[in-house]
């Protein structure tokens, strides 16, 4: 049954299950299908045949011409759940098909099916060439992923307690990357309890993760989980990109969108998730064009989808170990954590900064077990109706405090200095001062944390910087927003100049005789550029990072045009 054929009661049911149903599952007109034909090829499927399968690389977008396709969810525990049924005039795909990633659901022919198959590269061409039609398709692809995430459809099954540090770690990783999942607690779910009994894991083996093909992982690292789910595509060892971008925060994503939209071949690597530190921001209210504010994740997710629309290859989670310069053919090589080498004619350093871990006794023992460096909905649920401590006086700390105040009973905001005016925007100060359950604690610092191996953080010791007196507070959640250090260790050995604090120096006069002047965002190594928070002298604002990402593309064009040695 399709959107064109359902009766009123069925339509009401679909609308309840899928907000914005008409936009999520639109029906194309015959004229629109004719416009699409040049991008696809005819395919026919017999009754019961799979068009695409959970956990396997999706072939692209299918436009149904005749027949019906049932879309179902299948998890690693053997559960199959109907998702939607699509018929003539409708198309089957979601956002992962822009980059040829694995399918998150099954699509099976019900009776004979005739359709157009539009492979990923042609789908991207369609979105650009047919602007109005492409907008409708793109919106549908995004909404479908949103619905999958909301319903926990198509992703891995996590078996463990929602409050365990490793479950929080994996849920945070999946959430930040826009990947659906669902969590089953063996204390309340029989299937989960049976699985735990069958595998008899030791306490540190939890959570178990069940992939769509039934593979069971024991408390995996993020990279191992990503490989099991097919998040990381295979690198073509013979390909040389025009530009490789290290980091997918606002600066890296901006560079990717503008470079890819202007025809450059682009690769983006990030160790954890798209969005960087901005992606963990609960609300950004001083970014141009969003008067009511927008969450960092929502803003950067749009850029992430946009970059894929224009053909950028985004590789997450992939850690860049080293940058190799000076090859005979004039290209650069990024050595990745699996030993592979990614080659490019130019490099953009957008690796941002890593959260600073202050010198606090026992702090490392409670990372993810009561000590956090961002405040996402996952952490907010953990501190519901509890008292929490948040350390920091910058904008990120202020945004987090306001967000947590809507969940926690009380937020004790600890600041080393005697005020906020020097480090925080005025609108945030006013909001904090008007929020009844945020308490400002000035001239104070954390000196130690304590708890138990099983229970996590239990208490924090604070010291007045005026009197020197210590006091303890019983809390189970501590949020640290005390700045960040530049992520530039991977640049060692390539000659990229850094300032005393380790940030990348750009625009400095060249010591060598270059055939052209040094660009404002170019480093001491020709062809290596830096943008965003990692750059010395950057303004450390989302708007500034996005602007630098756009600006550097002009410099990239200039460098690539002036390259004297052809790629071999």
Protein backbone atom coordinates (compact mmCIF):
# COMPACT_ATOMS: atom_id res chain seq x y z
CA UNK A 1 0.00 0.00 0.00
CA UNK A 2 1.49 3.39 -0.97
CA UNK A 3 1.02 7.00 -0.04
CA UNK A 4 -1.08 7.37 -3.18
CA UNK A 5 -3.40 4.48 -2.35
CA UNK A 6 -4.01 4.46 1.39
CA UNK A 7 -7.40 5.39 2.79
CA UNK A 8 -8.01 8.04 5.43
CA UNK A 9 -7.57 5.80 8.46
CA UNK A 10 -4.28 4.38 7.12
CA UNK A 11 -3.05 7.89 6.38
CA UNK A 12 -3.80 8.96 9.95
CA UNK A 13 -1.83 5.97 11.24
CA UNK A 14 1.15 6.77 9.02
CA UNK A 15 1.04 10.43 10.03
CA UNK A 16 1.13 9.46 13.72
CA UNK A 17 4.04 7.09 13.13
CA UNK A 18 5.94 9.51 10.87
CA UNK A 19 5.68 13.25 11.55
CA UNK A 20 5.73 15.15 8.25
CA UNK A 21 4.75 11.96 6.44
CA UNK A 22 4.12 13.65 3.08
CA UNK A 23 7.63 15.12 3.10
CA UNK A 24 9.22 11.90 4.35
CA UNK A 25 7.56 9.64 1.76
CA UNK A 26 6.56 11.88 -1.17
CA UNK A 27 4.97 10.53 -4.36
CA UNK A 28 6.67 11.70 -7.55
CA UNK A 29 4.57 12.72 -10.53
CA UNK A 30 5.05 11.05 -13.96
CA UNK A 31 6.72 14.25 -15.19
CA UNK A 32 9.18 14.20 -12.27
CA UNK A 33 10.01 10.55 -12.90
CA UNK A 34 10.77 11.40 -16.54
CA UNK A 35 13.24 14.05 -15.34
CA UNK A 36 14.92 11.41 -13.19
CA UNK A 37 15.21 8.68 -15.83
CA UNK A 38 18.45 9.98 -17.34
CA UNK A 39 20.20 9.46 -14.01
CA UNK A 40 19.16 5.82 -13.51
CA UNK A 41 18.91 2.41 -15.05
CA UNK A 42 16.00 -0.03 -15.20
CA UNK A 43 15.93 -2.91 -12.74
CA UNK A 44 13.38 -5.69 -12.19
CA UNK A 45 12.91 -7.83 -9.08
CA UNK A 46 10.84 -10.96 -8.60
CA UNK A 47 8.47 -11.53 -5.69
CA UNK A 48 10.44 -11.91 -2.45
CA UNK A 49 13.74 -10.67 -3.90
CA UNK A 50 15.79 -8.19 -1.83
CA UNK A 51 16.50 -4.78 -3.35
CA UNK A 52 18.78 -3.88 -0.44
CA UNK A 53 19.77 -5.60 2.78
CA UNK A 54 20.61 -4.46 6.30
CA UNK A 55 24.35 -4.23 6.90
CA UNK A 56 25.32 -4.46 3.22
CA UNK A 57 26.40 -1.64 0.92
CA UNK A 58 23.31 0.00 -0.53
CA UNK A 59 23.29 0.25 -4.35
CA UNK A 60 21.67 3.71 -4.39
CA UNK A 61 18.16 5.12 -4.63
CA UNK A 62 15.30 3.09 -6.13
CA UNK A 63 12.34 4.81 -7.79
CA UNK A 64 9.40 2.39 -7.91
CA UNK A 65 7.66 2.31 -11.31
CA UNK A 66 5.48 -0.75 -10.76
CA UNK A 67 4.82 -3.07 -7.82
CA UNK A 68 5.40 -2.62 -4.11
CA UNK A 69 8.40 -2.87 -1.78
CA UNK A 70 8.12 -3.68 1.93
CA UNK A 71 10.74 -1.98 4.10
CA UNK A 72 11.46 -3.77 7.38
CA UNK A 73 13.83 -3.49 10.31
CA UNK A 74 15.93 -6.53 11.22
CA UNK A 75 18.18 -6.50 14.27
CA UNK A 76 20.86 -8.95 15.33
CA UNK A 77 18.50 -10.66 17.78
CA UNK A 78 16.28 -11.91 14.95
CA UNK A 79 13.45 -9.42 15.41
CA UNK A 80 11.81 -8.18 12.19
CA UNK A 81 9.56 -5.11 12.35
CA UNK A 82 7.67 -3.43 9.48
CA UNK A 83 8.80 0.12 8.76
CA UNK A 84 6.84 1.27 5.69
CA UNK A 85 5.56 0.00 2.34
CA UNK A 86 6.32 1.91 -0.86
CA UNK A 87 4.73 1.72 -4.30
CA UNK A 88 4.63 3.41 -7.73
CA UNK A 89 5.98 6.96 -7.74
CA UNK A 90 7.82 6.60 -4.44
CA UNK A 91 11.56 6.24 -3.92
CA UNK A 92 13.58 4.11 -1.51
CA UNK A 93 16.76 5.49 0.08
CA UNK A 94 17.99 7.45 3.07
CA UNK A 95 20.93 9.78 3.64
CA UNK A 96 23.59 7.03 3.75
CA UNK A 97 22.99 6.29 0.06
CA UNK A 98 24.60 9.60 -0.89
CA UNK A 99 27.96 8.08 0.03
CA UNK A 100 27.34 4.40 -0.76
CA UNK A 101 27.25 3.26 2.87
CA UNK A 102 25.51 0.21 4.30
CA UNK A 103 21.72 -0.06 4.33
CA UNK A 104 20.04 0.16 7.73
CA UNK A 105 16.85 -1.66 6.72
CA UNK A 106 15.72 -4.43 4.33
CA UNK A 107 13.73 -3.74 1.15
CA UNK A 108 11.89 -6.76 -0.28
CA UNK A 109 9.76 -6.97 -3.42
CA UNK A 110 6.10 -7.83 -2.87
CA UNK A 111 5.15 -9.29 -6.21
CA UNK A 112 7.06 -8.29 -9.33
CA UNK A 113 8.71 -4.88 -9.05
CA UNK A 114 10.03 -2.58 -11.76
CA UNK A 115 12.12 0.41 -10.75
CA UNK A 116 14.88 2.85 -11.62
CA UNK A 117 18.18 2.43 -9.74
CA UNK A 118 20.18 5.62 -9.30
CA UNK A 119 23.67 4.84 -7.93
CA UNK A 120 25.21 7.20 -5.34
CA UNK A 121 27.33 9.26 -7.74
CA UNK A 122 24.36 9.77 -10.07
CA UNK A 123 22.11 10.55 -7.12
CA UNK A 124 24.44 13.36 -6.10
CA UNK A 125 24.39 14.63 -9.69
CA UNK A 126 20.58 14.53 -9.65
CA UNK A 127 20.37 16.57 -6.45
CA UNK A 128 22.54 19.28 -7.97
CA UNK A 129 21.15 19.32 -11.52
CA UNK A 130 17.45 19.20 -10.59
CA UNK A 131 17.37 21.82 -7.84
CA UNK A 132 13.67 21.86 -6.92
CA UNK A 133 13.23 18.11 -7.20
CA UNK A 134 16.58 17.57 -5.51
CA UNK A 135 15.42 19.66 -2.55
CA UNK A 136 12.37 17.42 -2.02
CA UNK A 137 14.47 14.27 -2.28
CA UNK A 138 17.18 15.58 0.05
CA UNK A 139 14.61 16.58 2.65
CA UNK A 140 13.06 13.11 2.50
CA UNK A 141 16.45 11.39 2.88
CA UNK A 142 17.23 13.45 5.98
CA UNK A 143 13.80 12.96 7.55
CA UNK A 144 14.04 9.21 7.03
CA UNK A 145 17.33 9.07 8.92
CA UNK A 146 15.78 11.19 11.68
CA UNK A 147 12.89 8.73 11.94
CA UNK A 148 15.29 5.77 12.04
CA UNK A 149 17.21 7.41 14.88
CA UNK A 150 14.03 8.32 16.75
CA UNK A 151 12.78 4.73 16.52
CA UNK A 152 16.14 3.03 17.03
CA UNK A 153 15.64 1.31 13.68
CA UNK A 154 18.39 -0.39 11.72
CA UNK A 155 21.30 0.09 14.06
CA UNK A 156 23.09 -2.13 16.57
CA UNK A 157 21.54 -3.41 19.79
CA UNK A 158 23.41 -2.45 22.96
CA UNK A 159 22.99 -4.85 25.91
CA UNK A 160 23.75 -3.23 29.24
CA UNK A 161 22.73 -0.64 31.80
CA UNK A 162 21.94 2.86 30.52
CA UNK A 163 23.99 4.28 33.40
CA UNK A 164 27.20 2.31 32.80
CA UNK A 165 30.13 4.42 31.62
CA UNK A 166 30.87 2.28 28.56
CA UNK A 167 27.22 2.22 27.49
CA UNK A 168 27.18 6.01 27.79
CA UNK A 169 30.41 6.15 25.76
CA UNK A 170 29.02 4.02 22.91
CA UNK A 171 25.61 5.71 22.94
CA UNK A 172 27.35 9.08 22.75
CA UNK A 173 29.48 7.94 19.82
CA UNK A 174 26.46 6.66 17.88
CA UNK A 175 24.34 9.71 18.69
CA UNK A 176 27.05 12.17 17.67
CA UNK A 177 27.40 10.36 14.33
CA UNK A 178 23.65 10.30 13.65
CA UNK A 179 23.44 6.51 13.79
CA UNK A 180 20.35 4.70 15.10
CA UNK A 181 20.62 2.16 17.93
CA UNK A 182 18.56 0.76 20.75
CA UNK A 183 19.55 -0.22 24.26
CA UNK A 184 18.23 -3.25 26.14
CA UNK A 185 18.87 -3.58 29.89
CA UNK A 186 19.35 -7.24 30.94
CA UNK A 187 17.84 -6.33 34.32
CA UNK A 188 14.44 -5.69 32.69
CA UNK A 189 14.53 -7.28 29.21
CA UNK A 190 14.34 -11.08 28.84
CA UNK A 191 16.03 -11.25 25.43
CA UNK A 192 18.92 -9.17 26.75
CA UNK A 193 19.22 -11.33 29.86
CA UNK A 194 19.25 -14.51 27.75
CA UNK A 195 22.05 -13.10 25.58
CA UNK A 196 24.13 -12.16 28.63
CA UNK A 197 23.63 -15.69 30.02
CA UNK A 198 24.64 -17.26 26.71
CA UNK A 199 27.87 -15.27 26.37
CA UNK A 200 28.64 -15.17 30.12
CA UNK A 201 30.55 -11.91 29.89
CA UNK A 202 32.73 -10.61 32.68
CA UNK A 203 31.64 -7.23 34.09
CA UNK A 204 34.14 -5.31 31.96
CA UNK A 205 32.82 -7.06 28.81
CA UNK A 206 29.55 -5.14 29.08
CA UNK A 207 27.87 -3.66 27.20
CA UNK A 208 27.54 -6.31 24.55
CA UNK A 209 26.82 -4.96 21.08
CA UNK A 210 24.84 -7.04 18.60
CA UNK A 211 25.35 -6.02 14.96
CA UNK A 212 22.64 -6.52 12.34
CA UNK A 213 24.24 -9.75 11.11
CA UNK A 214 24.20 -11.25 14.62
CA UNK A 215 27.86 -10.61 15.39
CA UNK A 216 28.35 -9.94 19.10
CA UNK A 217 31.04 -7.51 20.26
CA UNK A 218 32.19 -7.26 23.88
CA UNK A 219 32.47 -3.65 25.04
CA UNK A 220 34.09 -2.59 21.75
CA UNK A 221 36.21 0.44 20.98
CA UNK A 222 34.46 3.00 18.81
CA UNK A 223 36.57 2.10 15.78
CA UNK A 224 35.77 -1.62 16.13
CA UNK A 225 32.06 -0.85 16.47
CA UNK A 226 32.20 1.38 13.38
CA UNK A 227 33.87 -1.33 11.31
CA UNK A 228 31.31 -3.92 12.42
CA UNK A 229 28.49 -1.62 11.30
CA UNK A 230 30.09 -0.63 8.00
CA UNK A 231 30.45 3.03 8.96
CA UNK A 232 33.95 3.23 7.53
CA UNK A 233 34.22 2.80 3.76
CA UNK A 234 37.22 1.26 2.04
CA UNK A 235 39.98 3.62 0.98
CA UNK A 236 41.04 3.43 -2.66
CA UNK A 237 44.85 3.22 -2.38
CA UNK A 238 45.33 4.55 -5.91
CA UNK A 239 43.22 7.67 -5.53
CA UNK A 240 44.77 11.09 -5.06
CA UNK A 241 42.34 13.71 -3.72
CA UNK A 242 42.65 17.40 -4.50
CA UNK A 243 42.39 18.15 -0.79
CA UNK A 244 42.32 16.11 2.41
CA UNK A 245 40.79 17.77 5.46
CA UNK A 246 41.71 16.56 8.94
CA UNK A 247 38.84 17.31 11.30
CA UNK A 248 35.11 17.62 10.73
CA UNK A 249 34.16 20.44 13.06
CA UNK A 250 32.56 23.60 11.64
CA UNK A 251 35.79 24.68 9.92
CA UNK A 252 36.47 21.29 8.33
CA UNK A 253 32.85 20.80 7.23
CA UNK A 254 32.71 24.31 5.80
CA UNK A 255 35.87 23.63 3.79
CA UNK A 256 34.41 20.35 2.57
CA UNK A 257 31.10 21.90 1.46
CA UNK A 258 32.66 24.79 -0.44
CA UNK A 259 35.52 22.77 -1.95
CA UNK A 260 33.33 19.86 -3.07
CA UNK A 261 30.63 22.17 -4.46
CA UNK A 262 33.30 23.84 -6.60
CA UNK A 263 34.42 20.58 -8.13
CA UNK A 264 37.40 19.60 -6.01
CA UNK A 265 37.73 15.98 -4.89
CA UNK A 266 37.60 16.04 -1.10
CA UNK A 267 38.35 13.60 1.71
CA UNK A 268 37.56 14.37 5.35
CA UNK A 269 38.94 12.40 8.31
CA UNK A 270 37.84 12.64 11.92
CA UNK A 271 38.77 10.52 14.91
CA UNK A 272 35.40 10.59 16.67
CA UNK A 273 32.38 12.33 15.14
CA UNK A 274 31.36 15.17 12.89
CA UNK A 275 30.77 18.53 14.56
CA UNK A 276 33.81 18.75 16.83
CA UNK A 277 33.31 20.64 20.08
CA UNK A 278 30.58 22.73 18.47
CA UNK A 279 28.63 19.55 17.75
CA UNK A 280 28.31 18.95 21.50
CA UNK A 281 26.93 22.43 22.19
CA UNK A 282 23.37 22.34 23.54
CA UNK A 283 22.39 25.61 21.87
CA UNK A 284 24.15 28.23 19.74
CA UNK A 285 22.27 31.53 19.80
CA UNK A 286 24.77 34.02 18.42
CA UNK A 287 25.22 32.45 14.99
CA UNK A 288 23.96 34.55 12.09
CA UNK A 289 20.58 33.54 10.71
CA UNK A 290 19.28 31.56 13.70
CA UNK A 291 17.51 34.08 15.95
CA UNK A 292 15.94 31.36 18.09
CA UNK A 293 19.20 29.40 18.30
CA UNK A 294 20.15 25.95 17.06
CA UNK A 295 21.89 23.02 18.70
CA UNK A 296 25.47 22.41 17.65
CA UNK A 297 24.58 18.90 16.53
CA UNK A 298 21.72 20.12 14.32
CA UNK A 299 23.88 22.80 12.71
CA UNK A 300 26.83 20.55 11.97
CA UNK A 301 24.61 17.62 10.89
CA UNK A 302 23.22 19.85 8.15
CA UNK A 303 26.75 20.66 7.01
CA UNK A 304 27.69 16.96 7.19
CA UNK A 305 24.78 16.04 4.90
CA UNK A 306 25.57 18.98 2.62
CA UNK A 307 29.18 17.88 2.19
CA UNK A 308 28.03 14.38 1.22
CA UNK A 309 25.52 15.86 -1.23
CA UNK A 310 28.40 17.47 -3.12
CA UNK A 311 30.47 14.28 -3.09
CA UNK A 312 32.94 14.70 -0.23
CA UNK A 313 34.23 11.37 1.14
CA UNK A 314 33.86 11.58 4.92
CA UNK A 315 35.72 8.95 6.94
CA UNK A 316 34.65 8.63 10.60
CA UNK A 317 36.05 7.39 12.93
CA UNK A 318 39.52 7.44 11.40
CA UNK A 319 42.53 8.75 13.27
CA UNK A 320 45.32 10.46 11.35
CA UNK A 321 48.65 9.42 12.83
CA UNK A 322 51.13 11.39 10.71
CA UNK A 323 51.41 13.81 7.80
CA UNK A 324 54.12 12.96 5.29
CA UNK A 325 55.45 15.82 3.16
CA UNK A 326 57.96 16.13 0.38
CA UNK A 327 57.09 13.20 -1.87
CA UNK A 328 58.61 13.19 -5.34
CA UNK A 329 55.26 13.73 -7.05
CA UNK A 330 54.39 16.76 -4.92
CA UNK A 331 51.55 15.10 -3.05
CA UNK A 332 51.02 14.63 0.69
CA UNK A 333 50.20 11.41 2.52
CA UNK A 334 48.15 10.99 5.68
CA UNK A 335 48.98 7.80 7.56
CA UNK A 336 45.76 6.46 9.11
CA UNK A 337 45.30 4.33 12.23
CA UNK A 338 44.93 1.14 10.20
CA UNK A 339 48.23 1.77 8.40
CA UNK A 340 46.67 2.90 5.13
CA UNK A 341 47.87 6.07 3.40
CA UNK A 342 45.49 8.71 2.08
CA UNK A 343 47.09 10.86 -0.62
CA UNK A 344 46.15 14.41 -1.56
CA UNK A 345 47.57 17.39 -3.43
CA UNK A 346 46.77 19.77 -0.57
CA UNK A 347 46.00 19.46 3.15
CA UNK A 348 43.70 21.50 5.37
CA UNK A 349 44.40 21.19 9.09
CA UNK A 350 41.04 21.55 10.86
CA UNK A 351 41.74 19.19 13.76
CA UNK A 352 40.62 21.74 16.33
CA UNK A 353 41.44 21.17 19.97
CA UNK A 354 41.09 18.38 22.51
CA UNK A 355 39.24 18.89 25.79
CA UNK A 356 41.67 19.93 28.48
CA UNK A 357 41.98 17.56 31.44
CA UNK A 358 42.82 19.71 34.49
CA UNK A 359 45.25 18.50 37.12
CA UNK A 360 42.73 17.04 39.57
CA UNK A 361 43.52 14.05 41.76
CA UNK A 362 41.81 10.79 40.62
CA UNK A 363 40.13 12.54 37.66
CA UNK A 364 41.06 9.99 34.99
CA UNK A 365 39.52 7.15 37.02
CA UNK A 366 36.06 8.68 36.57
CA UNK A 367 36.12 9.69 32.89
CA UNK A 368 32.71 8.66 31.57
CA UNK A 369 31.73 7.47 35.04
CA UNK A 370 30.53 10.79 36.36
CA UNK A 371 33.11 13.12 34.76
CA UNK A 372 32.12 14.54 31.36
CA UNK A 373 33.47 17.14 28.93
CA UNK A 374 30.24 17.87 27.06
CA UNK A 375 26.54 17.89 27.87
CA UNK A 376 24.45 15.92 25.40
CA UNK A 377 20.93 14.53 25.99
CA UNK A 378 22.54 11.25 27.12
CA UNK A 379 24.45 12.91 29.98
CA UNK A 380 21.47 15.14 30.78
CA UNK A 381 19.28 12.07 31.37
CA UNK A 382 21.85 10.68 33.79
CA UNK A 383 21.63 13.74 36.05
CA UNK A 384 17.86 14.16 36.02
CA UNK A 385 16.66 15.67 39.31
CA UNK A 386 20.20 15.51 40.77
CA UNK A 387 22.65 18.20 41.81
CA UNK A 388 25.62 18.59 39.45
CA UNK A 389 28.81 20.63 39.32
CA UNK A 390 29.90 22.38 36.14
CA UNK A 391 33.36 23.97 35.96
CA UNK A 392 34.10 26.78 33.51
CA UNK A 393 33.30 30.38 32.67
CA UNK A 394 33.26 30.52 28.87
CA UNK A 395 30.38 30.43 26.40
CA UNK A 396 30.44 26.64 26.12
CA UNK A 397 30.16 26.34 29.89
CA UNK A 398 27.32 28.84 29.96
CA UNK A 399 25.36 27.05 27.23
CA UNK A 400 25.85 23.73 29.02
CA UNK A 401 24.76 25.14 32.37
CA UNK A 402 21.53 26.52 30.92
CA UNK A 403 20.82 23.24 29.16
CA UNK A 404 21.54 21.08 32.21
CA UNK A 405 19.39 23.32 34.40
CA UNK A 406 16.33 21.98 32.53
CA UNK A 407 17.16 18.44 33.73
CA UNK A 408 19.16 18.69 36.97
CA UNK A 409 17.74 19.76 40.31
CA UNK A 410 20.57 22.27 40.69
CA UNK A 411 23.68 23.26 38.72
CA UNK A 412 26.61 24.54 40.79
CA UNK A 413 28.69 26.55 38.31
CA UNK A 414 32.26 26.75 39.62
CA UNK A 415 34.46 29.55 38.27
CA UNK A 416 38.12 30.14 39.20
CA UNK A 417 37.80 33.91 38.76
CA UNK A 418 35.60 36.51 40.35
CA UNK A 419 33.16 37.06 37.46
CA UNK A 420 31.95 36.05 34.00
CA UNK A 421 32.03 39.30 32.02
CA UNK A 422 35.55 38.79 30.67
CA UNK A 423 34.89 35.33 29.24
CA UNK A 424 31.17 34.96 28.46
CA UNK A 425 28.68 36.67 26.14
CA UNK A 426 26.30 39.05 27.87
CA UNK A 427 23.14 37.25 26.75
CA UNK A 428 24.34 34.04 28.43
CA UNK A 429 25.25 35.84 31.65
CA UNK A 430 21.76 37.33 31.84
CA UNK A 431 20.15 33.96 31.20
CA UNK A 432 22.28 32.25 33.87
CA UNK A 433 21.53 34.97 36.41
CA UNK A 434 17.80 34.59 35.75
CA UNK A 435 17.79 30.79 36.08
CA UNK A 436 16.78 29.90 39.63
CA UNK A 437 18.52 26.53 39.85
CA UNK A 438 21.95 27.71 38.63
CA UNK A 439 24.25 28.73 41.48
CA UNK A 440 27.41 30.70 40.66
CA UNK A 441 30.41 29.78 42.82
CA UNK A 442 33.26 32.23 42.17
CA UNK A 443 36.96 32.10 43.15
CA UNK A 444 36.77 28.32 43.62
CA UNK A 445 38.43 25.30 42.04
CA UNK A 446 38.14 21.50 42.16
CA UNK A 447 41.11 19.80 43.85
CA UNK A 448 40.02 16.14 43.95
CA UNK A 449 37.25 13.71 43.09
CA UNK A 450 36.35 10.44 44.78
CA UNK A 451 33.99 7.50 44.39
CA UNK A 452 33.89 3.74 43.97
CA UNK A 453 34.97 1.41 41.14
CA UNK A 454 31.41 0.18 40.66
CA UNK A 455 29.35 3.25 41.53
CA UNK A 456 31.39 5.92 39.78
CA UNK A 457 31.82 9.48 41.00
CA UNK A 458 30.38 10.17 44.48
CA UNK A 459 31.95 13.35 45.84
CA UNK A 460 34.04 16.35 44.86
CA UNK A 461 36.43 18.43 46.95
CA UNK A 462 36.42 22.18 46.27
CA UNK A 463 38.91 24.81 47.48
CA UNK A 464 38.33 28.52 47.89
CA UNK A 465 41.05 30.50 46.12
CA UNK A 466 40.51 33.34 48.58
CA UNK A 467 40.57 31.55 51.95
CA UNK A 468 42.26 28.28 50.97
CA UNK A 469 39.60 26.30 52.81
CA UNK A 470 38.40 22.96 51.43
CA UNK A 471 34.87 21.63 51.36
CA UNK A 472 33.23 18.53 49.90
CA UNK A 473 30.03 18.12 47.94
CA UNK A 474 28.22 14.85 47.25
CA UNK A 475 27.53 14.76 43.51
CA UNK A 476 27.51 12.00 40.92
CA UNK A 477 28.05 14.17 37.84
CA UNK A 478 30.86 16.66 37.16
CA UNK A 479 31.05 18.60 33.87
CA UNK A 480 34.36 20.20 32.90
CA UNK A 481 34.49 23.07 30.39
CA UNK A 482 37.97 24.41 31.08
CA UNK A 483 39.26 25.00 27.58
CA UNK A 484 41.12 22.84 25.11
CA UNK A 485 44.60 22.19 23.77
CA UNK A 486 45.37 22.11 20.02
CA UNK A 487 45.26 18.69 18.37
CA UNK A 488 48.50 19.00 16.41
CA UNK A 489 50.62 16.03 17.50
CA UNK A 490 50.10 14.34 14.12
CA UNK A 491 51.94 17.24 12.40
CA UNK A 492 55.27 16.44 14.07
CA UNK A 493 58.07 15.91 11.60
CA UNK A 494 56.53 17.70 8.62
CA UNK A 495 57.89 21.17 9.33
CA UNK A 496 54.57 22.89 10.05
CA UNK A 497 55.36 25.80 12.38
CA UNK A 498 53.50 26.01 15.69
CA UNK A 499 53.32 28.82 18.23
CA UNK A 500 54.35 28.40 21.89
CA UNK A 501 50.95 27.01 22.82
CA UNK A 502 51.04 24.46 19.99
CA UNK A 503 48.60 26.18 17.61
CA UNK A 504 49.38 26.25 13.88
CA UNK A 505 50.96 29.45 12.60
CA UNK A 506 49.54 30.71 9.30
CA UNK A 507 50.31 33.61 6.96
CA UNK A 508 53.89 34.10 8.20
CA UNK A 509 56.50 35.28 5.66
CA UNK A 510 58.15 32.30 4.02
CA UNK A 511 61.79 31.54 4.71
CA UNK A 512 62.20 29.94 1.29
CA UNK A 513 61.84 31.45 -2.17
CA UNK A 514 58.28 30.55 -3.08
CA UNK A 515 56.94 31.35 -6.54
CA UNK A 516 53.91 33.08 -4.96
CA UNK A 517 53.13 34.96 -1.74
CA UNK A 518 52.05 33.04 1.37
CA UNK A 519 48.26 32.97 1.76
CA UNK A 520 46.64 34.16 5.00
CA UNK A 521 45.58 30.62 5.97
CA UNK A 522 48.65 28.81 4.62
CA UNK A 523 51.18 27.27 6.99
CA UNK A 524 54.96 27.22 6.77
CA UNK A 525 54.66 24.20 4.45
CA UNK A 526 53.38 25.09 0.95
CA UNK A 527 50.10 23.33 0.25
CA UNK A 528 49.25 22.82 3.92
CA UNK A 529 46.56 25.19 5.26
CA UNK A 530 44.95 25.58 8.69
CA UNK A 531 41.48 26.77 9.68
CA UNK A 532 39.37 26.99 12.82
CA UNK A 533 40.36 26.58 16.46
CA UNK A 534 43.64 24.81 15.65
CA UNK A 535 44.97 27.96 13.97
CA UNK A 536 47.01 30.46 15.96
CA UNK A 537 45.06 33.68 16.30
CA UNK A 538 41.63 32.27 15.40
CA UNK A 539 38.64 33.85 17.14
CA UNK A 540 37.39 30.52 18.56
CA UNK A 541 33.81 31.06 17.39
CA UNK A 542 31.63 28.84 15.19
CA UNK A 543 30.98 31.71 12.75
CA UNK A 544 34.69 32.44 12.45
CA UNK A 545 35.52 28.78 11.81
CA UNK A 546 32.88 28.50 9.08
CA UNK A 547 34.14 31.72 7.48
CA UNK A 548 37.72 30.43 7.43
CA UNK A 549 36.53 27.19 5.85
CA UNK A 550 34.97 29.16 3.02
CA UNK A 551 37.96 31.47 2.71
CA UNK A 552 40.56 28.73 2.45
CA UNK A 553 38.94 27.24 -0.67
CA UNK A 554 40.06 30.22 -2.76
CA UNK A 555 43.61 29.66 -1.51
CA UNK A 556 43.33 25.96 -2.37
CA UNK A 557 42.33 26.78 -5.93
CA UNK A 558 45.31 29.08 -6.23
CA UNK A 559 47.75 26.52 -4.88
CA UNK A 560 46.41 23.68 -7.02
CA UNK A 561 46.48 25.84 -10.15
CA UNK A 562 50.08 26.83 -9.47
CA UNK A 563 51.28 23.31 -8.75
CA UNK A 564 54.28 22.75 -10.93
CA UNK A 565 54.45 18.98 -10.71
CA UNK A 566 51.63 16.84 -12.07
CA UNK A 567 50.25 14.00 -9.97
CA UNK A 568 51.72 10.68 -11.10
